[in-house]
Amino acid sequence: HLKAFFISLLVFLALISAGGYFGYQYVQSSLLPVDANSKEYVTVQIPE
């Protein structure tokens, strides 16, 4: 039981760590251009 507890704790901490890393990477990726090579213009209206 003690061994199982420590294994579960390590896995949980790893998931938290991995989640934070991948979450950060996901956000950073979302801030990058949709298509860095695109030359197309899109007309966008932002209402008052």
ModelCIF file with pLDDT and N, C-alpha, C, O atoms, coordinates in Angstrom:
data_MODEL
#
_entry.id   MODEL 
#
_entity.id                         1 
_entity.type                       polymer 
_entity.pdbx_number_of_molecules   1 
#
_entity_poly.entity_id                      1 
_entity_poly.type                           'polypeptide(L)' 
_entity_poly.nstd_linkage                   no 
_entity_poly.nstd_monomer                   no 
_entity_poly.pdbx_seq_one_letter_code       HLKAFFISLLVFLALISAGGYFGYQYVQSSLLPVDANSKEYVTVQIPE 
_entity_poly.pdbx_seq_one_letter_code_can   HLKAFFISLLVFLALISAGGYFGYQYVQSSLLPVDANSKEYVTVQIPE 
_entity_poly.pdbx_strand_id                 A 
#
loop_
_entity_poly_seq.entity_id 
_entity_poly_seq.num 
_entity_poly_seq.mon_id 
_entity_poly_seq.hetero 
1 1  HIS n 
1 2  LEU n 
1 3  LYS n 
1 4  ALA n 
1 5  PHE n 
1 6  PHE n 
1 7  ILE n 
1 8  SER n 
1 9  LEU n 
1 10 LEU n 
1 11 VAL n 
1 12 PHE n 
1 13 LEU n 
1 14 ALA n 
1 15 LEU n 
1 16 ILE n 
1 17 SER n 
1 18 ALA n 
1 19 GLY n 
1 20 GLY n 
1 21 TYR n 
1 22 PHE n 
1 23 GLY n 
1 24 TYR n 
1 25 GLN n 
1 26 TYR n 
1 27 VAL n 
1 28 GLN n 
1 29 SER n 
1 30 SER n 
1 31 LEU n 
1 32 LEU n 
1 33 PRO n 
1 34 VAL n 
1 35 ASP n 
1 36 ALA n 
1 37 ASN n 
1 38 SER n 
1 39 LYS n 
1 40 GLU n 
1 41 TYR n 
1 42 VAL n 
1 43 THR n 
1 44 VAL n 
1 45 GLN n 
1 46 ILE n 
1 47 PRO n 
1 48 GLU n 
#
_struct_asym.id          A 
_struct_asym.entity_id   1 
#
loop_
_ma_qa_metric.id 
_ma_qa_metric.mode 
_ma_qa_metric.name 
_ma_qa_metric.software_group_id 
_ma_qa_metric.type 
1 global pLDDT . pLDDT 
2 local  pLDDT . pLDDT 
#
_ma_qa_metric_global.metric_id      1 
_ma_qa_metric_global.metric_value   71.46 
_ma_qa_metric_global.model_id       1 
_ma_qa_metric_global.ordinal_id     1 
#
loop_
_ma_qa_metric_local.label_asym_id 
_ma_qa_metric_local.label_comp_id 
_ma_qa_metric_local.label_seq_id 
_ma_qa_metric_local.metric_id 
_ma_qa_metric_local.metric_value 
_ma_qa_metric_local.model_id 
_ma_qa_metric_local.ordinal_id 
A HIS 1  2 53.00 1 1  
A LEU 2  2 54.00 1 2  
A LYS 3  2 61.00 1 3  
A ALA 4  2 54.00 1 4  
A PHE 5  2 50.00 1 5  
A PHE 6  2 54.00 1 6  
A ILE 7  2 58.00 1 7  
A SER 8  2 53.00 1 8  
A LEU 9  2 50.00 1 9  
A LEU 10 2 57.00 1 10 
A VAL 11 2 55.00 1 11 
A PHE 12 2 51.00 1 12 
A LEU 13 2 52.00 1 13 
A ALA 14 2 57.00 1 14 
A LEU 15 2 54.00 1 15 
A ILE 16 2 52.00 1 16 
A SER 17 2 57.00 1 17 
A ALA 18 2 55.00 1 18 
A GLY 19 2 60.00 1 19 
A GLY 20 2 62.00 1 20 
A TYR 21 2 59.00 1 21 
A PHE 22 2 62.00 1 22 
A GLY 23 2 62.00 1 23 
A TYR 24 2 65.00 1 24 
A GLN 25 2 73.00 1 25 
A TYR 26 2 70.00 1 26 
A VAL 27 2 72.00 1 27 
A GLN 28 2 80.00 1 28 
A SER 29 2 82.00 1 29 
A SER 30 2 79.00 1 30 
A LEU 31 2 86.00 1 31 
A LEU 32 2 88.00 1 32 
A PRO 33 2 91.00 1 33 
A VAL 34 2 90.00 1 34 
A ASP 35 2 91.00 1 35 
A ALA 36 2 90.00 1 36 
A ASN 37 2 88.00 1 37 
A SER 38 2 86.00 1 38 
A LYS 39 2 83.00 1 39 
A GLU 40 2 85.00 1 40 
A TYR 41 2 90.00 1 41 
A VAL 42 2 92.00 1 42 
A THR 43 2 93.00 1 43 
A VAL 44 2 95.00 1 44 
A GLN 45 2 95.00 1 45 
A ILE 46 2 95.00 1 46 
A PRO 47 2 95.00 1 47 
A GLU 48 2 94.00 1 48 
#
loop_
_atom_site.group_PDB 
_atom_site.id 
_atom_site.type_symbol 
_atom_site.label_atom_id 
_atom_site.label_alt_id 
_atom_site.label_comp_id 
_atom_site.label_asym_id 
_atom_site.label_entity_id 
_atom_site.label_seq_id 
_atom_site.pdbx_PDB_ins_code 
_atom_site.Cartn_x 
_atom_site.Cartn_y 
_atom_site.Cartn_z 
_atom_site.occupancy 
_atom_site.B_iso_or_equiv 
_atom_site.pdbx_formal_charge 
_atom_site.auth_seq_id 
_atom_site.auth_comp_id 
_atom_site.auth_asym_id 
_atom_site.auth_atom_id 
_atom_site.pdbx_PDB_model_num 
ATOM 1   N N  . HIS A 1 1  ? 0.827   -1.220 0.000   1.00 53.00 ? 1  HIS A N  1 
ATOM 2   C CA . HIS A 1 1  ? 0.000   0.000  0.000   1.00 53.00 ? 1  HIS A CA 1 
ATOM 3   C C  . HIS A 1 1  ? 0.856   1.263  0.000   1.00 53.00 ? 1  HIS A C  1 
ATOM 4   O O  . HIS A 1 1  ? 0.543   2.236  -0.686  1.00 53.00 ? 1  HIS A O  1 
ATOM 5   N N  . LEU A 1 2  ? 1.929   1.240  0.767   1.00 54.00 ? 2  LEU A N  1 
ATOM 6   C CA . LEU A 1 2  ? 2.817   2.412  0.840   1.00 54.00 ? 2  LEU A CA 1 
ATOM 7   C C  . LEU A 1 2  ? 3.484   2.691  -0.495  1.00 54.00 ? 2  LEU A C  1 
ATOM 8   O O  . LEU A 1 2  ? 3.622   3.836  -0.925  1.00 54.00 ? 2  LEU A O  1 
ATOM 9   N N  . LYS A 1 3  ? 3.888   1.611  -1.130  1.00 61.00 ? 3  LYS A N  1 
ATOM 10  C CA . LYS A 1 3  ? 4.542   1.762  -2.446  1.00 61.00 ? 3  LYS A CA 1 
ATOM 11  C C  . LYS A 1 3  ? 3.559   2.302  -3.478  1.00 61.00 ? 3  LYS A C  1 
ATOM 12  O O  . LYS A 1 3  ? 3.901   3.161  -4.291  1.00 61.00 ? 3  LYS A O  1 
ATOM 13  N N  . ALA A 1 4  ? 2.342   1.787  -3.433  1.00 54.00 ? 4  ALA A N  1 
ATOM 14  C CA . ALA A 1 4  ? 1.319   2.242  -4.382  1.00 54.00 ? 4  ALA A CA 1 
ATOM 15  C C  . ALA A 1 4  ? 1.013   3.729  -4.180  1.00 54.00 ? 4  ALA A C  1 
ATOM 16  O O  . ALA A 1 4  ? 0.823   4.483  -5.134  1.00 54.00 ? 4  ALA A O  1 
ATOM 17  N N  . PHE A 1 5  ? 0.972   4.128  -2.882  1.00 50.00 ? 5  PHE A N  1 
ATOM 18  C CA . PHE A 1 5  ? 0.689   5.526  -2.576  1.00 50.00 ? 5  PHE A CA 1 
ATOM 19  C C  . PHE A 1 5  ? 1.751   6.458  -3.162  1.00 50.00 ? 5  PHE A C  1 
ATOM 20  O O  . PHE A 1 5  ? 1.442   7.482  -3.771  1.00 50.00 ? 5  PHE A O  1 
ATOM 21  N N  . PHE A 1 6  ? 3.020   6.067  -2.956  1.00 54.00 ? 6  PHE A N  1 
ATOM 22  C CA . PHE A 1 6  ? 4.117   6.894  -3.478  1.00 54.00 ? 6  PHE A CA 1 
ATOM 23  C C  . PHE A 1 6  ? 4.117   6.929  -5.004  1.00 54.00 ? 6  PHE A C  1 
ATOM 24  O O  . PHE A 1 6  ? 4.400   7.963  -5.611  1.00 54.00 ? 6  PHE A O  1 
ATOM 25  N N  . ILE A 1 7  ? 3.800   5.808  -5.608  1.00 58.00 ? 7  ILE A N  1 
ATOM 26  C CA . ILE A 1 7  ? 3.745   5.775  -7.082  1.00 58.00 ? 7  ILE A CA 1 
ATOM 27  C C  . ILE A 1 7  ? 2.635   6.694  -7.584  1.00 58.00 ? 7  ILE A C  1 
ATOM 28  O O  . ILE A 1 7  ? 2.829   7.448  -8.537  1.00 58.00 ? 7  ILE A O  1 
ATOM 29  N N  . SER A 1 8  ? 1.470   6.626  -6.940  1.00 53.00 ? 8  SER A N  1 
ATOM 30  C CA . SER A 1 8  ? 0.344   7.477  -7.343  1.00 53.00 ? 8  SER A CA 1 
ATOM 31  C C  . SER A 1 8  ? 0.684   8.953  -7.169  1.00 53.00 ? 8  SER A C  1 
ATOM 32  O O  . SER A 1 8  ? 0.350   9.789  -8.008  1.00 53.00 ? 8  SER A O  1 
ATOM 33  N N  . LEU A 1 9  ? 1.364   9.254  -6.048  1.00 50.00 ? 9  LEU A N  1 
ATOM 34  C CA . LEU A 1 9  ? 1.752   10.642 -5.794  1.00 50.00 ? 9  LEU A CA 1 
ATOM 35  C C  . LEU A 1 9  ? 2.710   11.160 -6.864  1.00 50.00 ? 9  LEU A C  1 
ATOM 36  O O  . LEU A 1 9  ? 2.572   12.283 -7.349  1.00 50.00 ? 9  LEU A O  1 
ATOM 37  N N  . LEU A 1 10 ? 3.671   10.331 -7.219  1.00 57.00 ? 10 LEU A N  1 
ATOM 38  C CA . LEU A 1 10 ? 4.632   10.731 -8.253  1.00 57.00 ? 10 LEU A CA 1 
ATOM 39  C C  . LEU A 1 10 ? 3.956   10.934 -9.598  1.00 57.00 ? 10 LEU A C  1 
ATOM 40  O O  . LEU A 1 10 ? 4.260   11.884 -10.318 1.00 57.00 ? 10 LEU A O  1 
ATOM 41  N N  . VAL A 1 11 ? 3.031   10.029 -9.934  1.00 55.00 ? 11 VAL A N  1 
ATOM 42  C CA . VAL A 1 11 ? 2.308   10.158 -11.204 1.00 55.00 ? 11 VAL A CA 1 
ATOM 43  C C  . VAL A 1 11 ? 1.480   11.443 -11.214 1.00 55.00 ? 11 VAL A C  1 
ATOM 44  O O  . VAL A 1 11 ? 1.443   12.154 -12.218 1.00 55.00 ? 11 VAL A O  1 
ATOM 45  N N  . PHE A 1 12 ? 0.803   11.744 -10.073 1.00 51.00 ? 12 PHE A N  1 
ATOM 46  C CA . PHE A 1 12 ? -0.026  12.953 -9.963  1.00 51.00 ? 12 PHE A CA 1 
ATOM 47  C C  . PHE A 1 12 ? 0.821   14.218 -10.147 1.00 51.00 ? 12 PHE A C  1 
ATOM 48  O O  . PHE A 1 12 ? 0.463   15.139 -10.881 1.00 51.00 ? 12 PHE A O  1 
ATOM 49  N N  . LEU A 1 13 ? 1.971   14.219 -9.439  1.00 52.00 ? 13 LEU A N  1 
ATOM 50  C CA . LEU A 1 13 ? 2.872   15.380 -9.573  1.00 52.00 ? 13 LEU A CA 1 
ATOM 51  C C  . LEU A 1 13 ? 3.398   15.522 -10.994 1.00 52.00 ? 13 LEU A C  1 
ATOM 52  O O  . LEU A 1 13 ? 3.541   16.634 -11.501 1.00 52.00 ? 13 LEU A O  1 
ATOM 53  N N  . ALA A 1 14 ? 3.684   14.397 -11.631 1.00 57.00 ? 14 ALA A N  1 
ATOM 54  C CA . ALA A 1 14 ? 4.169   14.425 -13.014 1.00 57.00 ? 14 ALA A CA 1 
ATOM 55  C C  . ALA A 1 14 ? 3.106   14.981 -13.954 1.00 57.00 ? 14 ALA A C  1 
ATOM 56  O O  . ALA A 1 14 ? 3.397   15.751 -14.870 1.00 57.00 ? 14 ALA A O  1 
ATOM 57  N N  . LEU A 1 15 ? 1.850   14.563 -13.699 1.00 54.00 ? 15 LEU A N  1 
ATOM 58  C CA . LEU A 1 15 ? 0.753   15.043 -14.548 1.00 54.00 ? 15 LEU A CA 1 
ATOM 59  C C  . LEU A 1 15 ? 0.558   16.546 -14.389 1.00 54.00 ? 15 LEU A C  1 
ATOM 60  O O  . LEU A 1 15 ? 0.334   17.272 -15.358 1.00 54.00 ? 15 LEU A O  1 
ATOM 61  N N  . ILE A 1 16 ? 0.651   16.998 -13.116 1.00 52.00 ? 16 ILE A N  1 
ATOM 62  C CA . ILE A 1 16 ? 0.534   18.439 -12.885 1.00 52.00 ? 16 ILE A CA 1 
ATOM 63  C C  . ILE A 1 16 ? 1.642   19.190 -13.622 1.00 52.00 ? 16 ILE A C  1 
ATOM 64  O O  . ILE A 1 16 ? 1.406   20.196 -14.291 1.00 52.00 ? 16 ILE A O  1 
ATOM 65  N N  . SER A 1 17 ? 2.861   18.663 -13.474 1.00 57.00 ? 17 SER A N  1 
ATOM 66  C CA . SER A 1 17 ? 4.011   19.294 -14.125 1.00 57.00 ? 17 SER A CA 1 
ATOM 67  C C  . SER A 1 17 ? 3.853   19.288 -15.631 1.00 57.00 ? 17 SER A C  1 
ATOM 68  O O  . SER A 1 17 ? 4.068   20.299 -16.299 1.00 57.00 ? 17 SER A O  1 
ATOM 69  N N  . ALA A 1 18 ? 3.468   18.112 -16.165 1.00 55.00 ? 18 ALA A N  1 
ATOM 70  C CA . ALA A 1 18 ? 3.294   17.994 -17.618 1.00 55.00 ? 18 ALA A CA 1 
ATOM 71  C C  . ALA A 1 18 ? 2.162   18.881 -18.094 1.00 55.00 ? 18 ALA A C  1 
ATOM 72  O O  . ALA A 1 18 ? 2.265   19.517 -19.143 1.00 55.00 ? 18 ALA A O  1 
ATOM 73  N N  . GLY A 1 19 ? 1.076   18.927 -17.324 1.00 60.00 ? 19 GLY A N  1 
ATOM 74  C CA . GLY A 1 19 ? -0.053  19.772 -17.696 1.00 60.00 ? 19 GLY A CA 1 
ATOM 75  C C  . GLY A 1 19 ? 0.329   21.233 -17.735 1.00 60.00 ? 19 GLY A C  1 
ATOM 76  O O  . GLY A 1 19 ? -0.068  21.951 -18.653 1.00 60.00 ? 19 GLY A O  1 
ATOM 77  N N  . GLY A 1 20 ? 1.087   21.683 -16.765 1.00 62.00 ? 20 GLY A N  1 
ATOM 78  C CA . GLY A 1 20 ? 1.541   23.071 -16.752 1.00 62.00 ? 20 GLY A CA 1 
ATOM 79  C C  . GLY A 1 20 ? 2.420   23.378 -17.945 1.00 62.00 ? 20 GLY A C  1 
ATOM 80  O O  . GLY A 1 20 ? 2.278   24.432 -18.565 1.00 62.00 ? 20 GLY A O  1 
ATOM 81  N N  . TYR A 1 21 ? 3.326   22.474 -18.275 1.00 59.00 ? 21 TYR A N  1 
ATOM 82  C CA . TYR A 1 21 ? 4.235   22.691 -19.403 1.00 59.00 ? 21 TYR A CA 1 
ATOM 83  C C  . TYR A 1 21 ? 3.466   22.742 -20.712 1.00 59.00 ? 21 TYR A C  1 
ATOM 84  O O  . TYR A 1 21 ? 3.598   23.675 -21.504 1.00 59.00 ? 21 TYR A O  1 
ATOM 85  N N  . PHE A 1 22 ? 2.637   21.682 -20.916 1.00 62.00 ? 22 PHE A N  1 
ATOM 86  C CA . PHE A 1 22 ? 1.899   21.626 -22.177 1.00 62.00 ? 22 PHE A CA 1 
ATOM 87  C C  . PHE A 1 22 ? 0.851   22.734 -22.258 1.00 62.00 ? 22 PHE A C  1 
ATOM 88  O O  . PHE A 1 22 ? 0.559   23.237 -23.343 1.00 62.00 ? 22 PHE A O  1 
ATOM 89  N N  . GLY A 1 23 ? 0.286   23.115 -21.115 1.00 62.00 ? 23 GLY A N  1 
ATOM 90  C CA . GLY A 1 23 ? -0.659  24.227 -21.110 1.00 62.00 ? 23 GLY A CA 1 
ATOM 91  C C  . GLY A 1 23 ? 0.016   25.525 -21.510 1.00 62.00 ? 23 GLY A C  1 
ATOM 92  O O  . GLY A 1 23 ? -0.538  26.312 -22.277 1.00 62.00 ? 23 GLY A O  1 
ATOM 93  N N  . TYR A 1 24 ? 1.213   25.745 -20.990 1.00 65.00 ? 24 TYR A N  1 
ATOM 94  C CA . TYR A 1 24 ? 1.975   26.948 -21.347 1.00 65.00 ? 24 TYR A CA 1 
ATOM 95  C C  . TYR A 1 24 ? 2.302   26.957 -22.835 1.00 65.00 ? 24 TYR A C  1 
ATOM 96  O O  . TYR A 1 24 ? 2.152   27.972 -23.516 1.00 65.00 ? 24 TYR A O  1 
ATOM 97  N N  . GLN A 1 25 ? 2.755   25.793 -23.330 1.00 73.00 ? 25 GLN A N  1 
ATOM 98  C CA . GLN A 1 25 ? 3.080   25.685 -24.752 1.00 73.00 ? 25 GLN A CA 1 
ATOM 99  C C  . GLN A 1 25 ? 1.849   25.923 -25.615 1.00 73.00 ? 25 GLN A C  1 
ATOM 100 O O  . GLN A 1 25 ? 1.937   26.542 -26.675 1.00 73.00 ? 25 GLN A O  1 
ATOM 101 N N  . TYR A 1 26 ? 0.707   25.433 -25.163 1.00 70.00 ? 26 TYR A N  1 
ATOM 102 C CA . TYR A 1 26 ? -0.543  25.597 -25.915 1.00 70.00 ? 26 TYR A CA 1 
ATOM 103 C C  . TYR A 1 26 ? -0.912  27.072 -26.025 1.00 70.00 ? 26 TYR A C  1 
ATOM 104 O O  . TYR A 1 26 ? -1.291  27.546 -27.096 1.00 70.00 ? 26 TYR A O  1 
ATOM 105 N N  . VAL A 1 27 ? -0.802  27.788 -24.921 1.00 72.00 ? 27 VAL A N  1 
ATOM 106 C CA . VAL A 1 27 ? -1.119  29.211 -24.924 1.00 72.00 ? 27 VAL A CA 1 
ATOM 107 C C  . VAL A 1 27 ? -0.152  29.976 -25.824 1.00 72.00 ? 27 VAL A C  1 
ATOM 108 O O  . VAL A 1 27 ? -0.560  30.825 -26.618 1.00 72.00 ? 27 VAL A O  1 
ATOM 109 N N  . GLN A 1 28 ? 1.128   29.662 -25.687 1.00 80.00 ? 28 GLN A N  1 
ATOM 110 C CA . GLN A 1 28 ? 2.138   30.339 -26.518 1.00 80.00 ? 28 GLN A CA 1 
ATOM 111 C C  . GLN A 1 28 ? 1.883   30.091 -27.991 1.00 80.00 ? 28 GLN A C  1 
ATOM 112 O O  . GLN A 1 28 ? 2.007   31.003 -28.808 1.00 80.00 ? 28 GLN A O  1 
ATOM 113 N N  . SER A 1 29 ? 1.528   28.865 -28.333 1.00 82.00 ? 29 SER A N  1 
ATOM 114 C CA . SER A 1 29 ? 1.236   28.521 -29.733 1.00 82.00 ? 29 SER A CA 1 
ATOM 115 C C  . SER A 1 29 ? 0.009   29.282 -30.235 1.00 82.00 ? 29 SER A C  1 
ATOM 116 O O  . SER A 1 29 ? -0.050  29.680 -31.398 1.00 82.00 ? 29 SER A O  1 
ATOM 117 N N  . SER A 1 30 ? -0.964  29.478 -29.351 1.00 79.00 ? 30 SER A N  1 
ATOM 118 C CA . SER A 1 30 ? -2.199  30.162 -29.742 1.00 79.00 ? 30 SER A CA 1 
ATOM 119 C C  . SER A 1 30 ? -1.966  31.638 -30.048 1.00 79.00 ? 30 SER A C  1 
ATOM 120 O O  . SER A 1 30 ? -2.767  32.260 -30.745 1.00 79.00 ? 30 SER A O  1 
ATOM 121 N N  . LEU A 1 31 ? -0.882  32.197 -29.535 1.00 86.00 ? 31 LEU A N  1 
ATOM 122 C CA . LEU A 1 31 ? -0.577  33.610 -29.768 1.00 86.00 ? 31 LEU A CA 1 
ATOM 123 C C  . LEU A 1 31 ? 0.209   33.837 -31.055 1.00 86.00 ? 31 LEU A C  1 
ATOM 124 O O  . LEU A 1 31 ? 0.388   34.976 -31.486 1.00 86.00 ? 31 LEU A O  1 
ATOM 125 N N  . LEU A 1 32 ? 0.677   32.747 -31.669 1.00 88.00 ? 32 LEU A N  1 
ATOM 126 C CA . LEU A 1 32 ? 1.448   32.849 -32.913 1.00 88.00 ? 32 LEU A CA 1 
ATOM 127 C C  . LEU A 1 32 ? 0.507   33.005 -34.111 1.00 88.00 ? 32 LEU A C  1 
ATOM 128 O O  . LEU A 1 32 ? -0.692  32.754 -33.988 1.00 88.00 ? 32 LEU A O  1 
ATOM 129 N N  . PRO A 1 33 ? 1.041   33.421 -35.277 1.00 91.00 ? 33 PRO A N  1 
ATOM 130 C CA . PRO A 1 33 ? 0.194   33.586 -36.458 1.00 91.00 ? 33 PRO A CA 1 
ATOM 131 C C  . PRO A 1 33 ? -0.525  32.292 -36.845 1.00 91.00 ? 33 PRO A C  1 
ATOM 132 O O  . PRO A 1 33 ? -0.012  31.192 -36.642 1.00 91.00 ? 33 PRO A O  1 
ATOM 133 N N  . VAL A 1 34 ? -1.707  32.450 -37.399 1.00 90.00 ? 34 VAL A N  1 
ATOM 134 C CA . VAL A 1 34 ? -2.459  31.295 -37.911 1.00 90.00 ? 34 VAL A CA 1 
ATOM 135 C C  . VAL A 1 34 ? -1.705  30.659 -39.069 1.00 90.00 ? 34 VAL A C  1 
ATOM 136 O O  . VAL A 1 34 ? -1.633  29.435 -39.180 1.00 90.00 ? 34 VAL A O  1 
ATOM 137 N N  . ASP A 1 35 ? -1.137  31.512 -39.938 1.00 91.00 ? 35 ASP A N  1 
ATOM 138 C CA . ASP A 1 35 ? -0.360  31.028 -41.089 1.00 91.00 ? 35 ASP A CA 1 
ATOM 139 C C  . ASP A 1 35 ? 0.725   32.059 -41.380 1.00 91.00 ? 35 ASP A C  1 
ATOM 140 O O  . ASP A 1 35 ? 0.458   33.086 -42.003 1.00 91.00 ? 35 ASP A O  1 
ATOM 141 N N  . ALA A 1 36 ? 1.934   31.789 -40.935 1.00 90.00 ? 36 ALA A N  1 
ATOM 142 C CA . ALA A 1 36 ? 3.030   32.759 -41.042 1.00 90.00 ? 36 ALA A CA 1 
ATOM 143 C C  . ALA A 1 36 ? 3.364   33.115 -42.483 1.00 90.00 ? 36 ALA A C  1 
ATOM 144 O O  . ALA A 1 36 ? 3.947   34.173 -42.723 1.00 90.00 ? 36 ALA A O  1 
ATOM 145 N N  . ASN A 1 37 ? 3.018   32.275 -43.444 1.00 88.00 ? 37 ASN A N  1 
ATOM 146 C CA . ASN A 1 37 ? 3.363   32.519 -44.849 1.00 88.00 ? 37 ASN A CA 1 
ATOM 147 C C  . ASN A 1 37 ? 2.225   33.152 -45.645 1.00 88.00 ? 37 ASN A C  1 
ATOM 148 O O  . ASN A 1 37 ? 2.389   33.443 -46.830 1.00 88.00 ? 37 ASN A O  1 
ATOM 149 N N  . SER A 1 38 ? 1.107   33.363 -45.026 1.00 86.00 ? 38 SER A N  1 
ATOM 150 C CA . SER A 1 38 ? -0.055  33.887 -45.744 1.00 86.00 ? 38 SER A CA 1 
ATOM 151 C C  . SER A 1 38 ? 0.124   35.364 -46.092 1.00 86.00 ? 38 SER A C  1 
ATOM 152 O O  . SER A 1 38 ? 0.618   36.147 -45.281 1.00 86.00 ? 38 SER A O  1 
ATOM 153 N N  . LYS A 1 39 ? -0.283  35.732 -47.299 1.00 83.00 ? 39 LYS A N  1 
ATOM 154 C CA . LYS A 1 39 ? -0.269  37.126 -47.730 1.00 83.00 ? 39 LYS A CA 1 
ATOM 155 C C  . LYS A 1 39 ? -1.687  37.671 -47.865 1.00 83.00 ? 39 LYS A C  1 
ATOM 156 O O  . LYS A 1 39 ? -1.892  38.826 -48.239 1.00 83.00 ? 39 LYS A O  1 
ATOM 157 N N  . GLU A 1 40 ? -2.644  36.833 -47.558 1.00 85.00 ? 40 GLU A N  1 
ATOM 158 C CA . GLU A 1 40 ? -4.054  37.188 -47.700 1.00 85.00 ? 40 GLU A CA 1 
ATOM 159 C C  . GLU A 1 40 ? -4.478  38.212 -46.646 1.00 85.00 ? 40 GLU A C  1 
ATOM 160 O O  . GLU A 1 40 ? -4.054  38.147 -45.492 1.00 85.00 ? 40 GLU A O  1 
ATOM 161 N N  . TYR A 1 41 ? -5.322  39.158 -47.063 1.00 90.00 ? 41 TYR A N  1 
ATOM 162 C CA . TYR A 1 41 ? -5.903  40.128 -46.141 1.00 90.00 ? 41 TYR A CA 1 
ATOM 163 C C  . TYR A 1 41 ? -7.338  39.738 -45.842 1.00 90.00 ? 41 TYR A C  1 
ATOM 164 O O  . TYR A 1 41 ? -8.073  39.296 -46.726 1.00 90.00 ? 41 TYR A O  1 
ATOM 165 N N  . VAL A 1 42 ? -7.724  39.904 -44.602 1.00 92.00 ? 42 VAL A N  1 
ATOM 166 C CA . VAL A 1 42 ? -9.091  39.624 -44.181 1.00 92.00 ? 42 VAL A CA 1 
ATOM 167 C C  . VAL A 1 42 ? -9.673  40.907 -43.600 1.00 92.00 ? 42 VAL A C  1 
ATOM 168 O O  . VAL A 1 42 ? -9.107  41.487 -42.673 1.00 92.00 ? 42 VAL A O  1 
ATOM 169 N N  . THR A 1 43 ? -10.805 41.349 -44.145 1.00 93.00 ? 43 THR A N  1 
ATOM 170 C CA . THR A 1 43 ? -11.460 42.549 -43.622 1.00 93.00 ? 43 THR A CA 1 
ATOM 171 C C  . THR A 1 43 ? -12.319 42.162 -42.428 1.00 93.00 ? 43 THR A C  1 
ATOM 172 O O  . THR A 1 43 ? -13.210 41.320 -42.541 1.00 93.00 ? 43 THR A O  1 
ATOM 173 N N  . VAL A 1 44 ? -12.049 42.772 -41.298 1.00 95.00 ? 44 VAL A N  1 
ATOM 174 C CA . VAL A 1 44 ? -12.736 42.459 -40.041 1.00 95.00 ? 44 VAL A CA 1 
ATOM 175 C C  . VAL A 1 44 ? -13.383 43.721 -39.494 1.00 95.00 ? 44 VAL A C  1 
ATOM 176 O O  . VAL A 1 44 ? -12.758 44.781 -39.450 1.00 95.00 ? 44 VAL A O  1 
ATOM 177 N N  . GLN A 1 45 ? -14.639 43.603 -39.078 1.00 95.00 ? 45 GLN A N  1 
ATOM 178 C CA . GLN A 1 45 ? -15.317 44.733 -38.451 1.00 95.00 ? 45 GLN A CA 1 
ATOM 179 C C  . GLN A 1 45 ? -15.455 44.493 -36.953 1.00 95.00 ? 45 GLN A C  1 
ATOM 180 O O  . GLN A 1 45 ? -15.980 43.469 -36.516 1.00 95.00 ? 45 GLN A O  1 
ATOM 181 N N  . ILE A 1 46 ? -14.971 45.464 -36.174 1.00 95.00 ? 46 ILE A N  1 
ATOM 182 C CA . ILE A 1 46 ? -15.157 45.435 -34.724 1.00 95.00 ? 46 ILE A CA 1 
ATOM 183 C C  . ILE A 1 46 ? -16.234 46.467 -34.396 1.00 95.00 ? 46 ILE A C  1 
ATOM 184 O O  . ILE A 1 46 ? -15.984 47.668 -34.498 1.00 95.00 ? 46 ILE A O  1 
ATOM 185 N N  . PRO A 1 47 ? -17.429 46.020 -34.003 1.00 95.00 ? 47 PRO A N  1 
ATOM 186 C CA . PRO A 1 47 ? -18.520 46.971 -33.722 1.00 95.00 ? 47 PRO A CA 1 
ATOM 187 C C  . PRO A 1 47 ? -18.207 47.862 -32.520 1.00 95.00 ? 47 PRO A C  1 
ATOM 188 O O  . PRO A 1 47 ? -17.438 47.493 -31.633 1.00 95.00 ? 47 PRO A O  1 
ATOM 189 N N  . GLU A 1 48 ? -18.817 49.027 -32.518 1.00 94.00 ? 48 GLU A N  1 
ATOM 190 C CA . GLU A 1 48 ? -18.671 49.962 -31.400 1.00 94.00 ? 48 GLU A CA 1 
ATOM 191 C C  . GLU A 1 48 ? -19.181 49.301 -30.122 1.00 94.00 ? 48 GLU A C  1 
ATOM 192 O O  . GLU A 1 48 ? -19.151 49.914 -29.055 1.00 94.00 ? 48 GLU A O  1 
#
